[in-house]
Amino acid sequence: MSLGSSASSTVFTDVVHHELQEWLEKPRHHENRAEAIRTALTNGTWARKFSLEYTSPILPAILGYVRLIAMRRYLALPTPDGLTMIGSDPENKCDTMNAIGSRLGRRAQGLAKKGRIDAEKDGAVKINDELHCLIAICYSLLTGRESVILTRDGDFKEIFWKAQWFFDTHYRAYLAAKLVKAGKFGKPAKVLENTRGYFDGPLTLYGRHSGQLREVLPSIHRSVPVSIIYVAPDKMLHKIGFIFEREMLDMLKMRSHTGGRCTDLFGEENIHVHLGPLTVGLDGPYLGIGRDAGHWTKTNNTKCFLSRLDEEHAVTCQERVARGT
């Protein structure tokens, strides 16, 4: 549940409400608690429901992020060619998990293992936690109220870290695109012809003014915090959080409008301010504009394009280290 809004209420996302529905209707334990929740939800007092409607202008972007952030859950599963995403034999579980840890980082192993267990047990990978976390962030962006997710599941820390990184990075890309179009980044510094399959064609590079691109951020903005409070097995509380800007809603609308790009200012080309593995060998920090290579996916009958570079960022565990490069 998302707890701690400025309205002093408990907000149930659709994900949580769906998971609790059977217990709420026919509780086998804690009947008084179930009755209290049902009454509060009905009367809209201390407990309320929040969801993104199918007509929401940001829903396509959020569903695209669900697929991206959940990619680590699929790392140990076979792809159509029979191997995993990292080229290992999925039947050799030990080698696969070791390969995930050594190539992508140990933080990817836990989610990959859970995804494999889900697939073996239920025939499908569960990505409800990713959706719940993203809807909690959307609640804060849309209402201006703080969200706090209280959980005993350590995976939420990983999901939240990845979500805040994507939102922050793509927001800066959305803002930088306007400045590039206006000539604020000058002329292209160079053109990268070999993009290693991450782009369909060449990538035009512009020199960045700073490592973190803080200069593209608006001086006037509306901030809202979102946090995770993790209850560890030893009962200790661990809190992580990020200050989002409500103007990020414009970036989400753009990604919904374009099917997954941060801008529509360059035709079908996209802008990336973090070039990941393509930074190797470059002589400075750059941002790039080019046509993404990738594929279309459909979630709840909503289509979204997933770029190969975004997918690379989705599975890596080095985003906070590499972000300034």
Foldseek 3Di string as FASTA:
>chain_A
DWADWPLRAAEAEPLRCVVCVVCLVPNPPPVVVSVVQVVCCVVVDRYHYDYADPPHLLVLLLVVLLCQLLVLLQQLPQDPVQAGPVRHHSVPVVVSLVCLCVPFRNVSNVSNVQSVVCCVPPVGGDSSLLSVLSRQVVVCLVPVIEIEAEEQDPVNVSSNVLVVLVLLQLVLQLLVVVCVVVCVQPDFPDKAQCLPQFFDGIKTKTAAPFLQSPVSDDPDFRWYKYKYWHQYPVRDTDMDIDIDTSVSVVQSSQQSVLQGASDPPPPQKHKGQQSPPVCVPDPHRIIIIGHFDFDWDADPNRIHTDGPSSSVSSSHPCCVVRSSD
